Protein backbone atom coordinates (compact mmCIF):
# COMPACT_ATOMS: atom_id res chain seq x y z
CA MET A 1 0.00 0.00 0.00
CA ARG A 2 1.37 3.39 -0.94
CA ASN A 3 2.52 6.00 1.53
CA GLU A 4 0.09 8.81 2.16
CA ARG A 5 1.09 11.92 4.04
CA GLN A 6 -1.25 14.62 5.22
CA SER A 7 -0.33 17.77 7.06
CA ILE A 8 -2.31 17.52 10.27
CA GLN A 9 -1.29 19.74 13.09
CA GLY A 10 -0.85 17.28 15.92
CA HIS A 11 0.81 17.87 19.20
CA GLY A 12 4.01 19.67 18.36
CA GLY A 13 2.89 20.62 14.84
CA ALA A 14 4.66 17.72 13.09
CA ASP A 15 3.21 15.99 10.06
CA MET A 16 1.84 12.48 10.61
CA LEU A 17 2.68 9.57 8.32
CA PHE A 18 -0.36 7.46 7.45
CA ALA A 19 -0.87 4.16 5.67
CA ALA A 20 2.76 3.06 5.86
CA PRO A 21 3.73 0.28 3.44
CA TRP A 22 3.43 -3.29 4.69
CA ARG A 23 6.59 -4.71 6.18
CA ALA A 24 7.67 -8.29 5.52
CA THR A 25 7.17 -9.14 9.22
CA GLU A 26 3.60 -7.83 9.14
CA LYS A 27 2.80 -9.94 6.08
CA LEU A 28 4.33 -12.96 7.81
CA LEU A 29 2.22 -12.43 10.93
CA LEU A 30 -0.96 -11.96 8.91
CA THR A 31 -0.22 -15.20 7.07
CA ALA A 32 0.26 -16.95 10.42
CA ILE A 33 -3.16 -15.69 11.58
CA CYS A 34 -4.82 -17.01 8.43
CA ILE A 35 -3.13 -20.43 8.74
CA ALA A 36 -4.01 -20.72 12.44
CA THR A 37 -7.64 -19.78 11.79
CA LEU A 38 -8.07 -22.41 9.07
CA PHE A 39 -6.24 -24.97 11.21
CA PHE A 40 -8.67 -24.45 14.10
CA ALA A 41 -11.66 -24.58 11.72
CA ILE A 42 -10.61 -28.06 10.61
CA VAL A 43 -9.12 -29.53 13.79
CA THR A 44 -11.64 -28.37 16.42
CA PRO A 45 -14.34 -31.06 16.86
CA PRO A 46 -17.98 -30.09 16.30
CA PHE A 47 -19.44 -27.77 18.92
CA GLN A 48 -16.23 -27.40 20.92
CA ALA A 49 -16.17 -23.61 20.63
CA PRO A 50 -18.31 -21.74 23.19
CA ASP A 51 -22.03 -21.90 22.31
CA GLU A 52 -21.26 -23.26 18.83
CA ASN A 53 -24.23 -25.61 19.06
CA GLN A 54 -26.57 -22.63 19.50
CA HIS A 55 -24.85 -20.68 16.75
CA TYR A 56 -25.07 -23.68 14.42
CA MET A 57 -28.82 -23.93 14.93
CA LYS A 58 -29.28 -20.19 14.38
CA ALA A 59 -27.22 -20.29 11.15
CA LEU A 60 -29.13 -23.38 10.03
CA SER A 61 -32.41 -21.60 10.69
CA LEU A 62 -31.26 -18.69 8.50
CA ALA A 63 -30.14 -21.14 5.80
CA GLN A 64 -33.70 -22.51 5.84
CA GLY A 65 -34.98 -18.98 5.12
CA LYS A 66 -36.17 -18.15 8.64
CA LEU A 67 -35.22 -14.65 9.81
CA LEU A 68 -37.16 -14.84 13.06
CA THR A 69 -37.55 -17.48 15.75
CA GLU A 70 -40.79 -18.77 17.28
CA GLN A 71 -41.72 -19.65 20.84
CA ARG A 72 -43.24 -22.99 21.83
CA ASP A 73 -44.03 -23.17 25.52
CA ASP A 74 -40.68 -22.42 27.21
CA ALA A 75 -38.59 -23.13 24.10
CA ILE A 76 -37.48 -20.53 21.54
CA GLY A 77 -36.12 -21.60 18.16
CA ALA A 78 -37.26 -23.11 14.87
CA ASP A 79 -38.17 -26.36 13.11
CA LEU A 80 -34.98 -27.76 11.53
CA PRO A 81 -33.91 -31.01 9.80
CA ARG A 82 -33.59 -33.78 12.36
CA ALA A 83 -30.44 -35.18 10.69
CA ALA A 84 -28.74 -31.81 11.10
CA LEU A 85 -29.80 -31.41 14.72
CA ASN A 86 -28.72 -34.91 15.72
CA ILE A 87 -25.10 -34.04 14.98
CA HIS A 88 -25.21 -32.23 18.30
CA ALA A 89 -28.04 -34.02 20.08
CA VAL A 90 -26.65 -37.53 19.46
CA ASP A 91 -23.24 -37.59 17.79
CA PHE A 92 -21.34 -34.73 19.49
CA PRO A 93 -23.28 -33.67 22.60
CA THR A 94 -21.81 -30.96 24.80
CA ASP A 95 -23.62 -31.93 28.03
CA VAL A 96 -21.27 -34.80 28.86
CA PRO A 97 -20.02 -36.00 32.29
CA PRO A 98 -16.91 -34.24 33.62
CA ASP A 99 -14.54 -37.12 32.91
CA LEU A 100 -11.83 -37.65 30.32
CA ARG A 101 -13.07 -37.23 26.78
CA HIS A 102 -11.33 -37.33 23.42
CA PHE A 103 -12.51 -37.57 19.83
CA GLU A 104 -11.91 -40.14 17.09
CA THR A 105 -12.11 -39.60 13.33
CA GLU A 106 -14.48 -42.58 13.16
CA GLN A 107 -17.08 -40.45 14.93
CA LEU A 108 -17.16 -38.11 11.95
CA ALA A 109 -17.66 -40.99 9.51
CA GLN A 110 -20.40 -42.53 11.67
CA SER A 111 -22.22 -39.20 11.87
CA ALA A 112 -22.09 -38.82 8.09
CA ALA A 113 -23.47 -42.34 7.58
CA ALA A 114 -26.37 -41.75 9.99
CA ASP A 115 -28.09 -39.00 7.97
CA ALA A 116 -30.35 -41.41 6.09
CA GLN A 117 -31.72 -42.86 9.33
CA ARG A 118 -32.82 -39.43 10.61
CA PRO A 119 -35.73 -38.21 8.46
CA GLY A 120 -38.09 -35.34 9.16
CA THR A 121 -37.73 -32.24 11.29
CA ALA A 122 -37.61 -31.39 14.99
CA PHE A 123 -37.94 -28.19 16.99
CA ALA A 124 -34.55 -26.73 17.90
CA ASP A 125 -34.26 -24.63 21.05
CA PHE A 126 -31.61 -21.89 20.95
CA PRO A 127 -32.78 -19.11 23.32
CA ASN A 128 -29.30 -17.68 24.02
CA VAL A 129 -28.96 -16.37 20.45
CA ALA A 130 -32.62 -16.06 19.43
CA SER A 131 -32.56 -12.25 19.32
CA TYR A 132 -29.29 -11.91 17.40
CA ALA A 133 -29.50 -10.26 13.96
CA PRO A 134 -29.36 -12.54 10.87
CA SER A 135 -26.38 -10.56 9.51
CA LEU A 136 -24.20 -12.21 12.16
CA TYR A 137 -24.99 -15.65 10.76
CA ALA A 138 -25.08 -14.88 7.03
CA PRO A 139 -21.57 -16.29 6.27
CA GLY A 140 -22.22 -19.49 8.22
CA ALA A 141 -25.64 -19.87 6.56
CA VAL A 142 -24.08 -19.43 3.12
CA GLY A 143 -21.58 -22.17 3.96
CA LEU A 144 -24.36 -24.51 5.10
CA ILE A 145 -26.32 -23.83 1.91
CA LEU A 146 -23.19 -24.47 -0.14
CA GLY A 147 -22.53 -27.75 1.66
CA ARG A 148 -26.03 -29.01 1.06
CA GLY A 149 -25.87 -27.82 -2.54
CA LEU A 150 -22.83 -30.06 -2.98
CA ASP A 151 -24.90 -32.92 -1.50
CA LEU A 152 -22.51 -33.33 1.43
CA PRO A 153 -23.53 -35.06 4.68
CA TRP A 154 -24.62 -32.72 7.44
CA ILE A 155 -21.40 -33.18 9.42
CA GLU A 156 -19.32 -32.13 6.42
CA THR A 157 -21.73 -29.30 5.72
CA LEU A 158 -21.01 -27.99 9.23
CA TYR A 159 -17.32 -27.79 8.36
CA VAL A 160 -18.09 -25.95 5.11
CA GLY A 161 -20.08 -23.46 7.16
CA ARG A 162 -17.09 -23.02 9.46
CA LEU A 163 -14.72 -22.42 6.56
CA VAL A 164 -16.95 -19.79 4.92
CA ASN A 165 -17.39 -18.08 8.29
CA ALA A 166 -13.62 -18.17 8.89
CA LEU A 167 -12.84 -16.77 5.43
CA THR A 168 -15.30 -13.94 6.07
CA GLY A 169 -13.60 -13.12 9.36
CA ILE A 170 -10.19 -13.17 7.68
CA ALA A 171 -11.42 -10.91 4.86
CA LEU A 172 -12.81 -8.39 7.36
CA LEU A 173 -9.53 -8.43 9.28
CA ILE A 174 -7.49 -7.83 6.13
CA GLY A 175 -9.84 -5.02 5.10
CA ALA A 176 -9.46 -3.37 8.50
CA LEU A 177 -5.66 -3.67 8.42
CA CYS A 178 -5.53 -2.14 4.95
CA LEU A 179 -7.77 0.78 5.94
CA LEU A 180 -6.14 1.46 9.30
CA PRO A 181 -4.12 4.69 8.96
CA PHE A 182 -1.73 3.86 11.82
CA GLY A 183 -1.30 1.33 14.61
CA ARG A 184 -1.33 -1.74 12.37
CA ASN A 185 0.81 -3.67 14.85
CA ALA A 186 -1.76 -3.08 17.60
CA MET A 187 -4.48 -4.75 15.54
CA LEU A 188 -2.16 -7.54 14.44
CA ALA A 189 -1.19 -8.23 18.06
CA THR A 190 -4.85 -8.62 19.00
CA ALA A 191 -5.54 -10.94 16.06
CA LEU A 192 -2.46 -13.03 16.97
CA LEU A 193 -4.01 -14.05 20.28
CA PRO A 194 -5.06 -17.71 19.86
CA THR A 195 -8.61 -16.95 21.02
CA PHE A 196 -9.13 -14.74 17.96
CA ALA A 197 -8.19 -17.48 15.49
CA TYR A 198 -10.03 -20.16 17.47
CA GLN A 199 -13.31 -18.24 17.52
CA THR A 200 -12.98 -17.10 13.90
CA GLY A 201 -12.44 -20.71 12.88
CA SER A 202 -15.79 -21.82 14.29
CA LEU A 203 -19.44 -21.15 13.47
CA SER A 204 -19.47 -18.48 16.15
CA PRO A 205 -20.57 -14.99 15.05
CA ASP A 206 -17.36 -13.75 16.71
CA ALA A 207 -15.81 -13.91 13.23
CA VAL A 208 -18.26 -11.22 12.09
CA ILE A 209 -18.36 -9.34 15.39
CA ASN A 210 -14.58 -8.99 15.69
CA GLY A 211 -14.25 -8.32 11.97
CA PHE A 212 -16.74 -5.46 11.93
CA GLY A 213 -15.41 -4.18 15.24
CA PHE A 214 -11.97 -3.86 13.67
CA LEU A 215 -13.39 -2.50 10.40
CA GLY A 216 -15.54 0.10 12.13
CA LEU A 217 -12.57 1.26 14.20
CA ALA A 218 -10.31 1.41 11.14
CA LEU A 219 -12.80 3.39 9.06
CA ALA A 220 -13.52 5.81 11.90
CA LEU A 221 -9.81 6.48 12.46
CA ARG A 222 -9.14 6.82 8.73
CA THR A 223 -12.04 9.25 8.36
CA GLY A 224 -11.08 11.24 11.44
CA PHE A 225 -7.37 11.52 10.64
CA MET A 226 -7.41 11.59 6.82
CA ASN A 227 -9.59 13.11 4.11
CA ALA A 228 -13.19 11.91 3.95
CA THR A 229 -13.46 10.62 0.37
CA PRO A 230 -16.94 9.67 -1.00
CA VAL A 231 -16.09 5.96 -1.06
CA ARG A 232 -14.68 6.03 2.46
CA SER A 233 -17.68 7.99 3.73
CA ALA A 234 -20.10 5.52 2.17
CA GLY A 235 -18.19 2.63 3.73
CA LEU A 236 -18.36 4.32 7.12
CA LEU A 237 -22.12 4.88 6.87
CA ILE A 238 -22.68 1.24 5.88
CA THR A 239 -20.35 -0.19 8.52
CA GLY A 240 -22.00 1.72 11.39
CA PRO A 241 -25.34 -0.15 11.14
CA LEU A 242 -23.62 -3.48 10.49
CA LEU A 243 -21.46 -3.02 13.59
CA ALA A 244 -24.49 -2.11 15.69
CA LEU A 245 -26.33 -5.22 14.47
CA CYS A 246 -23.33 -7.30 15.57
CA LYS A 247 -23.72 -6.08 19.13
CA GLY A 248 -24.80 -2.57 19.99
CA VAL A 249 -22.23 -2.23 22.78
CA TYR A 250 -19.42 -2.00 20.19
CA LEU A 251 -20.89 0.94 18.27
CA PRO A 252 -19.16 3.57 20.47
CA LEU A 253 -15.80 2.24 19.23
CA MET A 254 -16.31 4.50 16.22
CA ALA A 255 -16.05 7.52 18.52
CA ALA A 256 -12.28 6.87 18.52
CA GLY A 257 -12.14 8.79 15.23
CA LEU A 258 -13.71 11.94 16.66
CA ARG A 259 -11.47 15.03 16.77
CA TRP A 260 -12.03 18.76 16.98
CA GLN A 261 -12.98 20.26 13.63
CA GLN A 262 -9.81 21.27 11.81
CA HIS A 263 -11.70 24.04 9.92
CA ARG A 264 -15.27 25.33 9.59
CA ARG A 265 -16.16 23.03 6.69
CA ASP A 266 -14.69 19.91 8.25
CA LEU A 267 -17.48 17.32 7.93
CA ARG A 268 -15.55 14.38 9.36
CA PRO A 269 -16.91 14.52 12.94
CA GLY A 270 -20.42 14.76 11.53
CA LEU A 271 -19.83 11.74 9.31
CA ILE A 272 -18.67 9.62 12.22
CA LEU A 273 -21.57 10.74 14.42
CA GLY A 274 -23.94 10.13 11.51
CA ALA A 275 -22.64 6.58 11.10
CA MET A 276 -23.14 5.97 14.81
CA ALA A 277 -26.67 7.41 14.65
CA LEU A 278 -27.52 5.13 11.71
CA GLY A 279 -26.15 2.24 13.74
CA ALA A 280 -28.38 3.11 16.68
CA ILE A 281 -31.40 3.30 14.37
CA ALA A 282 -30.55 -0.08 12.81
CA PHE A 283 -30.20 -1.67 16.25
CA VAL A 284 -33.52 -0.31 17.51
CA GLY A 285 -35.17 -1.19 14.20
CA TRP A 286 -34.05 -4.81 14.41
CA MET A 287 -35.20 -5.11 18.02
CA HIS A 288 -38.63 -3.78 16.98
CA TYR A 289 -38.86 -6.01 13.90
CA SER A 290 -37.85 -9.11 15.84
CA GLY A 291 -40.56 -8.49 18.40
CA GLY A 292 -38.53 -6.61 20.96
CA SER A 293 -38.92 -9.39 23.49
CA GLN A 294 -36.04 -10.71 25.57
CA ALA A 295 -35.43 -14.45 25.58
CA LEU A 296 -34.89 -15.65 29.15
CA TYR A 297 -32.84 -18.80 29.72
CA HIS A 298 -31.39 -20.90 32.51
CA ILE A 299 -27.79 -20.44 33.64
CA GLN A 300 -25.61 -21.95 36.33
CA SER A 301 -24.71 -19.32 38.88
CA ARG A 302 -20.96 -18.84 39.09
CA ARG A 303 -21.32 -18.03 42.80
CA THR A 304 -23.59 -20.82 44.06
CA GLY A 305 -23.58 -23.37 41.24
CA GLU A 306 -27.40 -23.36 41.27
CA THR A 307 -29.39 -23.33 38.04
CA MET A 308 -31.13 -19.95 37.84
CA MET A 309 -33.10 -17.91 35.32
CA THR A 310 -31.70 -14.76 33.74
CA ALA A 311 -33.46 -11.58 34.73
CA PRO A 312 -36.00 -9.63 32.66
CA LEU A 313 -34.14 -6.62 31.33
CA ARG A 314 -36.75 -4.11 32.53
CA ASP A 315 -36.65 -5.43 36.10
CA GLN A 316 -32.85 -5.60 36.22
CA LEU A 317 -32.57 -2.06 34.84
CA ALA A 318 -34.98 -0.83 37.51
CA ILE A 319 -32.67 -2.24 40.18
CA ILE A 320 -29.68 -0.38 38.69
CA LEU A 321 -31.56 2.90 38.44
CA ALA A 322 -32.90 2.57 41.97
CA ASP A 323 -29.37 2.37 43.43
CA PRO A 324 -26.63 3.19 40.88
CA ILE A 325 -23.98 3.39 43.63
CA SER A 326 -24.60 -0.21 44.61
CA TYR A 327 -24.42 -1.25 40.98
CA ALA A 328 -21.08 0.57 40.61
CA ARG A 329 -19.78 -1.50 43.53
CA ILE A 330 -21.08 -4.71 41.92
CA LEU A 331 -19.40 -3.76 38.67
CA ALA A 332 -16.08 -2.96 40.32
CA SER A 333 -16.01 -6.10 42.46
CA SER A 334 -16.95 -8.34 39.52
CA VAL A 335 -14.25 -6.90 37.28
CA VAL A 336 -11.59 -7.27 39.97
CA GLU A 337 -12.73 -10.79 40.78
CA ARG A 338 -12.91 -11.92 37.16
CA ALA A 339 -9.88 -10.07 35.74
CA PRO A 340 -7.57 -13.14 35.93
CA VAL A 341 -10.20 -15.24 34.15
CA TYR A 342 -10.62 -12.59 31.45
CA ALA A 343 -6.84 -12.53 30.94
CA LEU A 344 -6.70 -16.30 30.45
CA GLN A 345 -9.71 -16.33 28.13
CA ILE A 346 -8.61 -13.46 25.96
CA VAL A 347 -5.30 -15.22 25.26
CA GLY A 348 -6.56 -18.76 24.81
CA ARG A 349 -8.88 -21.11 26.65
CA PHE A 350 -10.42 -23.74 24.42
CA GLY A 351 -13.19 -26.33 24.43
CA TRP A 352 -15.93 -24.17 26.01
CA ASN A 353 -13.23 -22.59 28.22
CA ALA A 354 -12.15 -25.94 29.71
CA ILE A 355 -8.67 -26.27 28.15
CA LEU A 356 -5.83 -24.02 29.26
CA LEU A 357 -2.55 -23.50 27.43
CA PRO A 358 0.68 -24.34 29.25
CA LEU A 359 0.98 -21.59 31.81
CA LEU A 360 4.23 -20.28 30.32
CA ALA A 361 2.27 -19.44 27.15
CA TYR A 362 0.41 -16.66 28.95
CA PRO A 363 3.54 -14.60 29.78
CA LEU A 364 4.60 -15.27 26.18
CA ALA A 365 1.32 -13.71 25.02
CA LEU A 366 1.99 -10.70 27.26
CA LEU A 367 5.46 -10.41 25.72
CA MET A 368 3.91 -10.57 22.25
CA LEU A 369 1.41 -7.82 23.08
CA GLY A 370 4.18 -5.71 24.60
CA ALA A 371 6.33 -6.14 21.49
CA GLY A 372 3.38 -5.16 19.33
CA VAL A 373 2.98 -1.98 21.37
CA ALA A 374 6.74 -1.29 21.32
CA SER A 375 6.71 -1.60 17.51
CA GLY A 376 5.10 1.84 17.48
CA SER A 377 2.00 3.37 15.92
CA GLY A 378 3.83 5.23 13.14
CA ALA A 379 2.16 8.55 14.00
CA ARG A 380 2.48 11.23 16.65
CA PHE A 381 -0.33 11.88 19.13
CA GLY A 382 -0.72 14.06 22.17
CA MET A 383 -1.67 12.81 25.61
CA GLY A 384 -5.20 14.14 25.21
CA GLN A 385 -5.81 11.94 22.18
CA ARG A 386 -4.49 8.87 23.98
CA ILE A 387 -6.65 9.56 27.03
CA TRP A 388 -9.69 9.88 24.75
CA TRP A 389 -9.00 6.48 23.18
CA LEU A 390 -8.62 4.88 26.61
CA ALA A 391 -11.87 6.53 27.74
CA VAL A 392 -13.71 5.15 24.68
CA ALA A 393 -12.29 1.67 25.33
CA ALA A 394 -13.23 1.83 29.03
CA GLY A 395 -16.73 2.99 28.13
CA VAL A 396 -17.25 0.07 25.75
CA ALA A 397 -15.93 -2.37 28.37
CA LEU A 398 -18.41 -1.00 30.92
CA LEU A 399 -21.22 -1.35 28.37
CA ILE A 400 -20.24 -5.00 27.84
CA GLU A 401 -20.39 -5.71 31.58
CA THR A 402 -23.66 -3.83 31.98
CA ALA A 403 -25.24 -5.64 29.03
CA MET A 404 -24.33 -8.97 30.62
CA TYR A 405 -25.77 -7.85 33.96
CA LEU A 406 -29.01 -6.81 32.27
CA THR A 407 -29.51 -9.86 30.08
CA GLY A 408 -27.34 -12.70 31.41
CA THR A 409 -27.44 -12.44 35.20
CA PRO A 410 -30.06 -13.54 37.77
CA LEU A 411 -32.36 -10.80 39.04
CA GLY A 412 -30.75 -8.63 41.70
CA ALA A 413 -27.48 -10.60 41.79
CA ASP A 414 -24.48 -8.95 43.47
CA TYR A 415 -22.18 -10.04 40.61
CA VAL A 416 -22.05 -9.96 36.80
CA GLN A 417 -22.58 -13.33 35.12
CA GLY A 418 -21.48 -14.59 31.73
CA THR A 419 -18.86 -12.06 30.61
CA GLN A 420 -15.96 -13.74 28.80
CA GLY A 421 -12.55 -12.39 27.91
CA ARG A 422 -13.18 -12.77 24.17
CA TYR A 423 -15.85 -10.07 24.38
CA PHE A 424 -13.07 -7.50 24.80
CA LEU A 425 -11.18 -8.42 21.62
CA PRO A 426 -12.75 -5.62 19.51
CA VAL A 427 -11.68 -3.10 22.19
CA LEU A 428 -8.08 -4.26 22.60
CA PRO A 429 -6.55 -2.70 19.43
CA LEU A 430 -7.64 0.77 20.57
CA VAL A 431 -6.06 0.24 24.00
CA LEU A 432 -2.81 -0.94 22.43
CA MET A 433 -2.78 2.05 20.05
CA ALA A 434 -3.21 4.42 22.97
CA LEU A 435 -0.18 2.82 24.65
CA SER A 436 2.02 2.65 21.55
CA PRO A 437 4.94 5.09 21.17
CA ASP A 438 5.18 7.23 18.06
CA GLN A 439 8.19 5.31 16.73
CA GLY A 440 9.02 1.67 17.27
CA TRP A 441 11.79 0.60 19.61
CA ARG A 442 14.81 -1.08 18.12
CA GLY A 443 14.34 -4.84 17.90
CA ALA A 444 10.63 -4.70 18.82
CA GLY A 445 9.49 -5.95 15.41
CA ARG A 446 11.76 -8.98 15.59
CA LEU A 447 10.65 -9.75 19.15
CA PHE A 448 7.04 -9.43 17.98
CA VAL A 449 7.55 -12.25 15.47
CA ILE A 450 9.66 -14.36 17.85
CA ALA A 451 6.87 -14.30 20.45
CA ALA A 452 3.83 -14.51 18.14
CA ILE A 453 4.73 -17.54 16.00
CA PRO A 454 5.59 -19.87 18.94
CA LEU A 455 2.42 -18.74 20.73
CA LEU A 456 0.25 -19.85 17.80
CA LEU A 457 2.20 -23.10 17.44
CA ILE A 458 1.73 -23.88 21.14
CA ALA A 459 -2.00 -23.15 20.83
CA ALA A 460 -2.31 -25.39 17.77
CA ALA A 461 -0.49 -28.24 19.53
CA THR A 462 -2.65 -27.76 22.63
CA VAL A 463 -5.89 -28.00 20.68
CA TYR A 464 -4.85 -31.03 18.64
CA ASP A 465 -3.44 -32.92 21.62
CA SER A 466 -6.33 -32.10 23.96
CA PHE A 467 -9.11 -33.05 21.55
CA TRP A 468 -7.65 -35.90 19.51
CA VAL A 469 -4.78 -37.49 21.45
CA HIS A 470 -4.84 -37.32 25.26
CA GLY A 471 -8.36 -35.97 25.76
CA PHE A 472 -9.68 -33.37 28.19
CA ILE A 473 -12.26 -32.85 30.89
CA THR A 474 -15.23 -30.53 30.45
CA SER A 475 -15.15 -29.06 33.95
CA ASP A 476 -13.07 -25.98 34.59
CA GLY A 477 -9.85 -26.44 36.52
CA MET A 478 -7.01 -24.33 37.79
CA PRO A 479 -3.33 -25.29 38.10
CA PRO A 480 -2.69 -27.97 40.73
CA HIS A 481 -0.27 -27.10 43.52
CA GLY A 482 1.41 -30.49 43.38
CA SER A 483 2.56 -30.45 39.74
CA ILE A 484 3.39 -26.87 38.90
CA GLY A 485 6.18 -27.95 36.57
CA ARG A 486 3.74 -29.86 34.37
CA ALA A 487 1.31 -26.96 34.46
CA LEU A 488 3.99 -24.60 33.19
CA LEU A 489 4.99 -26.78 30.23
CA LEU A 490 1.88 -28.81 29.33
CA PRO A 491 -1.76 -27.93 28.51
CA SER A 492 -4.28 -28.43 31.31
CA PRO A 493 -5.50 -31.93 30.21
CA ARG A 494 -1.96 -33.22 30.83
CA TRP A 495 -1.69 -31.94 34.40
């Protein structure tokens, strides 16, 4: 990509260099992300990414032409082909006892051969994702349609859906990296975390959510810090609604591109605010079209272990408004309590969060992120700009926690339930940009590669070994005190 330079009076009056050409190391790291994503899409057994069974049913419903779900008694979902549903219900169930489990390739062949013995349809219940917009599942649905069009068995069709979803996530990442005017290493560092590739390589809508989160951030920064061309402005106005339909809490990320008007006819702040307003309208419009009702579902309390029902949003919001100080304390205590879990999950925790990397991989991930920051942003910013970016990131993080308290936590609970580290992936590039120096430190780029490639290789080995060789347990576990050496060097199933 060519160099583009624009005279923008930043702190100190120096020109800023935008859209620097791709370095060989950056191309290498992007290639590694693509390879890791496709590896996970193929190697991860069916439904071993968080909530992939629910996402599969939602994508399958869309592939059948159903934009909306229906409610039958306490169940919310749709009528779907029984042969497709039995892949999860019979062949690869996720509600298994907490003992050692590993997969065999024969299971895939047996599932493919069983399609003919499973005629008709059955009602599929997927309340957790019932209210999500169809745009999140369009790539997966296209893959499922393609698989069936090729007359593949349902189990193979699932993998085609994964691959199309993964390729969509990769395309959105590449688009964001190409549009980003500065801080490319910050976005690459986030995408190099194994969780990013693992989720993108599944039927999870995280591929679309993270992709549009990155794309919306890139377009907002490019618009705010470069000229607003017609094509770029149109892209911004289209991306805003698509980002809001992913999850509304990520829409404020686009505020990162807001700056004081550089002259009286500077329309860039208005364009960014307009894109955000269109996003808000799209989000409200979808909620109205889909019925506007919240799907309640059962969860296991992380405090008591009891099975409880999530709270009605209106009632939970009333509790917050009645005593916002108490809610602020709940928020603070939950974040402090869960911060170590978020750190593990955002780096890599596989198999519905049951499989940990060797513990030494987590400091390696921190080293990789630090090297990405030390590689520099390639542009000069004042402290005020950096504080604004951190404020935007903090605001989005608080929205994520609040959304989970409103929709995924028992009524009146004194904790936040259900937040996972991967939810913060779209926010992380902005944080890393705010921390990045103007110019890279000597040797940082080389250290970036030296840390990133082994991290992905360790993650790939962990996933393959844990699922297909030694097996794993589905219950969460933390490092044992008696074998810390094994915990440092081996994935959690080998402890």
